[in-house]
């Protein structure tokens, strides 16, 4: 009789831990899968740099256009 009380109190704890662990593993796996797919597809769609582009900078005699 004593063991049935211990098991009935211990079983919900085990069940909650199992559910939380399963959901956590599922979320982590989905997260890793999505980022893995994005990494593979992202590299293929990026253009390969042929040469470095020059940066355009303002010289002291130029000013940025304002709204006036």
PDB file of N, CA and C in Angstrom:
ATOM      1  N   UNK A   1       0.810  -1.190   0.000  1.00  0.00           N
ATOM      2  CA  UNK A   1       0.000   0.000   0.000  1.00  0.00           C
ATOM      3  C   UNK A   1       0.862   1.267   0.000  1.00  0.00           C
ATOM      4  N   UNK A   2       1.971   1.203   0.705  1.00  0.00           N
ATOM      5  CA  UNK A   2       2.848   2.362   0.795  1.00  0.00           C
ATOM      6  C   UNK A   2       3.491   2.711  -0.535  1.00  0.00           C
ATOM      7  N   UNK A   3       3.858   1.695  -1.325  1.00  0.00           N
ATOM      8  CA  UNK A   3       4.497   1.938  -2.617  1.00  0.00           C
ATOM      9  C   UNK A   3       3.530   2.557  -3.617  1.00  0.00           C
ATOM     10  N   UNK A   4       2.263   2.223  -3.541  1.00  0.00           N
ATOM     11  CA  UNK A   4       1.299   2.799  -4.484  1.00  0.00           C
ATOM     12  C   UNK A   4       1.145   4.307  -4.272  1.00  0.00           C
ATOM     13  N   UNK A   5       1.285   4.772  -3.044  1.00  0.00           N
ATOM     14  CA  UNK A   5       1.217   6.213  -2.774  1.00  0.00           C
ATOM     15  C   UNK A   5       2.457   6.908  -3.317  1.00  0.00           C
ATOM     16  N   UNK A   6       3.618   6.282  -3.119  1.00  0.00           N
ATOM     17  CA  UNK A   6       4.870   6.862  -3.623  1.00  0.00           C
ATOM     18  C   UNK A   6       4.855   6.907  -5.140  1.00  0.00           C
ATOM     19  N   UNK A   7       4.400   5.832  -5.776  1.00  0.00           N
ATOM     20  CA  UNK A   7       4.349   5.787  -7.239  1.00  0.00           C
ATOM     21  C   UNK A   7       3.335   6.797  -7.765  1.00  0.00           C
ATOM     22  N   UNK A   8       2.196   6.935  -7.118  1.00  0.00           N
ATOM     23  CA  UNK A   8       1.184   7.881  -7.589  1.00  0.00           C
ATOM     24  C   UNK A   8       1.651   9.326  -7.425  1.00  0.00           C
ATOM     25  N   UNK A   9       2.532   9.616  -6.492  1.00  0.00           N
ATOM     26  CA  UNK A   9       3.082  10.958  -6.349  1.00  0.00           C
ATOM     27  C   UNK A   9       4.273  11.190  -7.278  1.00  0.00           C
ATOM     28  N   UNK A  10       5.001  10.139  -7.556  1.00  0.00           N
ATOM     29  CA  UNK A  10       6.209  10.253  -8.371  1.00  0.00           C
ATOM     30  C   UNK A  10       5.894  10.251  -9.868  1.00  0.00           C
ATOM     31  N   UNK A  11       4.818   9.590 -10.261  1.00  0.00           N
ATOM     32  CA  UNK A  11       4.483   9.440 -11.678  1.00  0.00           C
ATOM     33  C   UNK A  11       4.197  10.775 -12.369  1.00  0.00           C
ATOM     34  N   UNK A  12       3.438  11.717 -11.800  1.00  0.00           N
ATOM     35  CA  UNK A  12       3.239  13.010 -12.477  1.00  0.00           C
ATOM     36  C   UNK A  12       4.528  13.794 -12.677  1.00  0.00           C
ATOM     37  N   UNK A  13       5.450  13.676 -11.747  1.00  0.00           N
ATOM     38  CA  UNK A  13       6.742  14.361 -11.891  1.00  0.00           C
ATOM     39  C   UNK A  13       7.512  13.790 -13.073  1.00  0.00           C
ATOM     40  N   UNK A  14       7.531  12.470 -13.179  1.00  0.00           N
ATOM     41  CA  UNK A  14       8.217  11.818 -14.299  1.00  0.00           C
ATOM     42  C   UNK A  14       7.541  12.182 -15.609  1.00  0.00           C
ATOM     43  N   UNK A  15       6.215  12.200 -15.639  1.00  0.00           N
ATOM     44  CA  UNK A  15       5.477  12.529 -16.853  1.00  0.00           C
ATOM     45  C   UNK A  15       5.744  13.971 -17.286  1.00  0.00           C
ATOM     46  N   UNK A  16       5.691  14.906 -16.353  1.00  0.00           N
ATOM     47  CA  UNK A  16       5.960  16.313 -16.693  1.00  0.00           C
ATOM     48  C   UNK A  16       7.391  16.497 -17.193  1.00  0.00           C
ATOM     49  N   UNK A  17       8.348  15.860 -16.546  1.00  0.00           N
ATOM     50  CA  UNK A  17       9.740  15.956 -16.978  1.00  0.00           C
ATOM     51  C   UNK A  17       9.913  15.381 -18.384  1.00  0.00           C
ATOM     52  N   UNK A  18       9.248  14.256 -18.659  1.00  0.00           N
ATOM     53  CA  UNK A  18       9.345  13.631 -19.976  1.00  0.00           C
ATOM     54  C   UNK A  18       8.740  14.530 -21.054  1.00  0.00           C
ATOM     55  N   UNK A  19       7.600  15.130 -20.766  1.00  0.00           N
ATOM     56  CA  UNK A  19       6.949  16.017 -21.741  1.00  0.00           C
ATOM     57  C   UNK A  19       7.811  17.248 -21.991  1.00  0.00           C
ATOM     58  N   UNK A  20       8.316  17.869 -20.937  1.00  0.00           N
ATOM     59  CA  UNK A  20       9.153  19.064 -21.093  1.00  0.00           C
ATOM     60  C   UNK A  20      10.425  18.733 -21.869  1.00  0.00           C
ATOM     61  N   UNK A  21      11.034  17.614 -21.569  1.00  0.00           N
ATOM     62  CA  UNK A  21      12.254  17.207 -22.271  1.00  0.00           C
ATOM     63  C   UNK A  21      11.972  16.910 -23.737  1.00  0.00           C
ATOM     64  N   UNK A  22      10.884  16.236 -24.026  1.00  0.00           N
ATOM     65  CA  UNK A  22      10.537  15.909 -25.410  1.00  0.00           C
ATOM     66  C   UNK A  22      10.243  17.160 -26.229  1.00  0.00           C
ATOM     67  N   UNK A  23       9.496  18.088 -25.648  1.00  0.00           N
ATOM     68  CA  UNK A  23       9.195  19.330 -26.361  1.00  0.00           C
ATOM     69  C   UNK A  23      10.470  20.141 -26.572  1.00  0.00           C
ATOM     70  N   UNK A  24      11.325  20.189 -25.588  1.00  0.00           N
ATOM     71  CA  UNK A  24      12.590  20.918 -25.730  1.00  0.00           C
ATOM     72  C   UNK A  24      13.479  20.341 -26.811  1.00  0.00           C
ATOM     73  N   UNK A  25      13.576  19.019 -26.849  1.00  0.00           N
ATOM     74  CA  UNK A  25      14.383  18.376 -27.893  1.00  0.00           C
ATOM     75  C   UNK A  25      13.771  18.628 -29.269  1.00  0.00           C
ATOM     76  N   UNK A  26      12.443  18.588 -29.363  1.00  0.00           N
ATOM     77  CA  UNK A  26      11.779  18.851 -30.641  1.00  0.00           C
ATOM     78  C   UNK A  26      11.994  20.271 -31.132  1.00  0.00           C
ATOM     79  N   UNK A  27      11.903  21.227 -30.236  1.00  0.00           N
ATOM     80  CA  UNK A  27      12.117  22.635 -30.616  1.00  0.00           C
ATOM     81  C   UNK A  27      13.561  22.849 -31.049  1.00  0.00           C
ATOM     82  N   UNK A  28      14.495  22.300 -30.315  1.00  0.00           N
ATOM     83  CA  UNK A  28      15.911  22.437 -30.673  1.00  0.00           C
ATOM     84  C   UNK A  28      16.209  21.781 -32.017  1.00  0.00           C
ATOM     85  N   UNK A  29      15.629  20.612 -32.262  1.00  0.00           N
ATOM     86  CA  UNK A  29      15.847  19.917 -33.530  1.00  0.00           C
ATOM     87  C   UNK A  29      15.274  20.713 -34.701  1.00  0.00           C
ATOM     88  N   UNK A  30      14.075  21.261 -34.521  1.00  0.00           N
ATOM     89  CA  UNK A  30      13.472  22.073 -35.580  1.00  0.00           C
ATOM     90  C   UNK A  30      14.297  23.332 -35.832  1.00  0.00           C
ATOM     91  N   UNK A  31      14.767  23.958 -34.781  1.00  0.00           N
ATOM     92  CA  UNK A  31      15.606  25.158 -34.895  1.00  0.00           C
ATOM     93  C   UNK A  31      16.883  24.836 -35.676  1.00  0.00           C
ATOM     94  N   UNK A  32      17.530  23.735 -35.318  1.00  0.00           N
ATOM     95  CA  UNK A  32      18.767  23.341 -36.007  1.00  0.00           C
ATOM     96  C   UNK A  32      18.487  22.987 -37.468  1.00  0.00           C
ATOM     97  N   UNK A  33      17.367  22.326 -37.739  1.00  0.00           N
ATOM     98  CA  UNK A  33      17.037  21.953 -39.121  1.00  0.00           C
ATOM     99  C   UNK A  33      16.779  23.186 -39.978  1.00  0.00           C
ATOM    100  N   UNK A  34      16.033  24.147 -39.452  1.00  0.00           N
ATOM    101  CA  UNK A  34      15.739  25.363 -40.222  1.00  0.00           C
ATOM    102  C   UNK A  34      17.012  26.137 -40.504  1.00  0.00           C
ATOM    103  N   UNK A  35      17.857  26.308 -39.506  1.00  0.00           N
ATOM    104  CA  UNK A  35      19.104  27.040 -39.739  1.00  0.00           C
ATOM    105  C   UNK A  35      20.054  26.272 -40.639  1.00  0.00           C
ATOM    106  N   UNK A  36      20.029  24.953 -40.584  1.00  0.00           N
ATOM    107  CA  UNK A  36      20.838  24.158 -41.506  1.00  0.00           C
ATOM    108  C   UNK A  36      20.386  24.330 -42.940  1.00  0.00           C
ATOM    109  N   UNK A  37      19.073  24.307 -43.160  1.00  0.00           N
ATOM    110  CA  UNK A  37      18.539  24.504 -44.510  1.00  0.00           C
ATOM    111  C   UNK A  37      18.860  25.908 -45.003  1.00  0.00           C
ATOM    112  N   UNK A  38      18.695  26.909 -44.142  1.00  0.00           N
ATOM    113  CA  UNK A  38      19.012  28.275 -44.552  1.00  0.00           C
ATOM    114  C   UNK A  38      20.495  28.451 -44.864  1.00  0.00           C
ATOM    115  N   UNK A  39      21.335  27.768 -44.125  1.00  0.00           N
ATOM    116  CA  UNK A  39      22.777  27.858 -44.380  1.00  0.00           C
ATOM    117  C   UNK A  39      23.129  27.240 -45.726  1.00  0.00           C
ATOM    118  N   UNK A  40      22.542  26.099 -46.030  1.00  0.00           N
ATOM    119  CA  UNK A  40      22.838  25.425 -47.301  1.00  0.00           C
ATOM    120  C   UNK A  40      22.278  26.216 -48.478  1.00  0.00           C
ATOM    121  N   UNK A  41      21.035  26.658 -48.368  1.00  0.00           N
ATOM    122  CA  UNK A  41      20.412  27.392 -49.473  1.00  0.00           C
ATOM    123  C   UNK A  41      20.946  28.817 -49.579  1.00  0.00           C
ATOM    124  N   UNK A  42      21.332  29.405 -48.474  1.00  0.00           N
ATOM    125  CA  UNK A  42      21.822  30.775 -48.493  1.00  0.00           C
ATOM    126  C   UNK A  42      23.150  30.913 -49.211  1.00  0.00           C
ATOM    127  N   UNK A  43      24.027  29.937 -49.049  1.00  0.00           N
ATOM    128  CA  UNK A  43      25.323  30.009 -49.720  1.00  0.00           C
ATOM    129  C   UNK A  43      25.177  29.873 -51.223  1.00  0.00           C
ATOM    130  N   UNK A  44      24.227  29.089 -51.682  1.00  0.00           N
ATOM    131  CA  UNK A  44      24.041  28.900 -53.117  1.00  0.00           C
ATOM    132  C   UNK A  44      23.446  30.136 -53.777  1.00  0.00           C
ATOM    133  N   UNK A  45      22.633  30.899 -53.058  1.00  0.00           N
ATOM    134  CA  UNK A  45      21.968  32.042 -53.678  1.00  0.00           C
ATOM    135  C   UNK A  45      22.788  33.326 -53.593  1.00  0.00           C
ATOM    136  N   UNK A  46      23.826  33.363 -52.768  1.00  0.00           N
ATOM    137  CA  UNK A  46      24.660  34.553 -52.686  1.00  0.00           C
ATOM    138  C   UNK A  46      25.583  34.646 -53.893  1.00  0.00           C
ATOM    139  N   UNK A  47      25.675  35.814 -54.506  1.00  0.00           N
ATOM    140  CA  UNK A  47      26.610  35.952 -55.623  1.00  0.00           C
ATOM    141  C   UNK A  47      28.058  35.912 -55.135  1.00  0.00           C
ATOM    142  N   UNK A  48      28.901  35.312 -55.916  1.00  0.00           N
ATOM    143  CA  UNK A  48      30.315  35.237 -55.574  1.00  0.00           C
ATOM    144  C   UNK A  48      30.971  36.587 -55.871  1.00  0.00           C
ATOM    145  N   UNK A  49      31.715  37.139 -54.933  1.00  0.00           N
ATOM    146  CA  UNK A  49      32.350  38.439 -55.183  1.00  0.00           C
ATOM    147  C   UNK A  49      33.472  38.297 -56.214  1.00  0.00           C
ATOM    148  N   UNK A  50      33.383  39.104 -57.262  1.00  0.00           N
ATOM    149  CA  UNK A  50      34.414  39.057 -58.293  1.00  0.00           C
ATOM    150  C   UNK A  50      35.560  40.004 -57.955  1.00  0.00           C
ATOM    151  N   UNK A  51      35.219  41.188 -57.521  1.00  0.00           N
ATOM    152  CA  UNK A  51      36.250  42.139 -57.104  1.00  0.00           C
ATOM    153  C   UNK A  51      35.654  43.047 -56.044  1.00  0.00           C
ATOM    154  N   UNK A  52      36.499  43.604 -55.248  1.00  0.00           N
ATOM    155  CA  UNK A  52      36.024  44.468 -54.175  1.00  0.00           C
ATOM    156  C   UNK A  52      35.524  45.783 -54.768  1.00  0.00           C
ATOM    157  N   UNK A  53      34.364  46.198 -54.343  1.00  0.00           N
ATOM    158  CA  UNK A  53      33.811  47.461 -54.813  1.00  0.00           C
ATOM    159  C   UNK A  53      34.393  48.606 -53.987  1.00  0.00           C
ATOM    160  N   UNK A  54      34.611  49.726 -54.646  1.00  0.00           N
ATOM    161  CA  UNK A  54      35.117  50.892 -53.938  1.00  0.00           C
ATOM    162  C   UNK A  54      34.020  51.478 -53.082  1.00  0.00           C
ATOM    163  N   UNK A  55      34.390  51.937 -51.914  1.00  0.00           N
ATOM    164  CA  UNK A  55      33.433  52.596 -51.048  1.00  0.00           C
ATOM    165  C   UNK A  55      33.280  54.044 -51.473  1.00  0.00           C
ATOM    166  N   UNK A  56      32.054  54.487 -51.522  1.00  0.00           N
ATOM    167  CA  UNK A  56      31.794  55.872 -51.867  1.00  0.00           C
ATOM    168  C   UNK A  56      31.733  56.680 -50.569  1.00  0.00           C
ATOM    169  N   UNK A  57      32.573  57.679 -50.492  1.00  0.00           N
ATOM    170  CA  UNK A  57      32.600  58.532 -49.306  1.00  0.00           C
ATOM    171  C   UNK A  57      32.462  59.982 -49.736  1.00  0.00           C
ATOM    172  N   UNK A  58      31.954  60.776 -48.845  1.00  0.00           N
ATOM    173  CA  UNK A  58      31.827  62.206 -49.132  1.00  0.00           C
ATOM    174  C   UNK A  58      33.156  62.901 -48.840  1.00  0.00           C
ATOM    175  N   UNK A  59      33.577  63.742 -49.764  1.00  0.00           N
ATOM    176  CA  UNK A  59      34.776  64.540 -49.529  1.00  0.00           C
ATOM    177  C   UNK A  59      34.344  65.814 -48.792  1.00  0.00           C
ATOM    178  N   UNK A  60      35.281  66.527 -48.156  1.00  0.00           N
ATOM    179  CA  UNK A  60      34.893  67.692 -47.357  1.00  0.00           C
ATOM    180  C   UNK A  60      34.120  68.767 -48.121  1.00  0.00           C
ATOM    181  N   UNK A  61      34.272  68.861 -49.438  1.00  0.00           N
ATOM    182  CA  UNK A  61      33.566  69.900 -50.185  1.00  0.00           C
ATOM    183  C   UNK A  61      32.155  69.491 -50.539  1.00  0.00           C
ATOM    184  N   UNK A  62      31.808  68.243 -50.336  1.00  0.00           N
ATOM    185  CA  UNK A  62      30.453  67.782 -50.626  1.00  0.00           C
ATOM    186  C   UNK A  62      29.664  67.683 -49.324  1.00  0.00           C
ATOM    187  N   UNK A  63      28.382  67.838 -49.440  1.00  0.00           N
ATOM    188  CA  UNK A  63      27.549  67.661 -48.253  1.00  0.00           C
ATOM    189  C   UNK A  63      26.380  66.766 -48.627  1.00  0.00           C
ATOM    190  N   UNK A  64      25.886  66.097 -47.639  1.00  0.00           N
ATOM    191  CA  UNK A  64      24.756  65.211 -47.894  1.00  0.00           C
ATOM    192  C   UNK A  64      23.512  66.054 -48.117  1.00  0.00           C
ATOM    193  N   UNK A  65      22.680  65.649 -49.048  1.00  0.00           N
ATOM    194  CA  UNK A  65      21.482  66.403 -49.382  1.00  0.00           C
ATOM    195  C   UNK A  65      20.523  66.402 -48.207  1.00  0.00           C
ATOM    196  N   UNK A  66      19.993  67.564 -47.915  1.00  0.00           N
ATOM    197  CA  UNK A  66      19.005  67.654 -46.849  1.00  0.00           C
ATOM    198  C   UNK A  66      17.633  67.838 -47.475  1.00  0.00           C
ATOM    199  N   UNK A  67      16.634  67.868 -46.664  1.00  0.00           N
ATOM    200  CA  UNK A  67      15.280  67.973 -47.180  1.00  0.00           C
ATOM    201  C   UNK A  67      14.857  69.387 -47.544  1.00  0.00           C
ATOM    202  N   UNK A  68      15.737  70.378 -47.416  1.00  0.00           N
ATOM    203  CA  UNK A  68      15.373  71.774 -47.680  1.00  0.00           C
ATOM    204  C   UNK A  68      15.346  72.068 -49.152  1.00  0.00           C
TER     205      UNK A  68
END
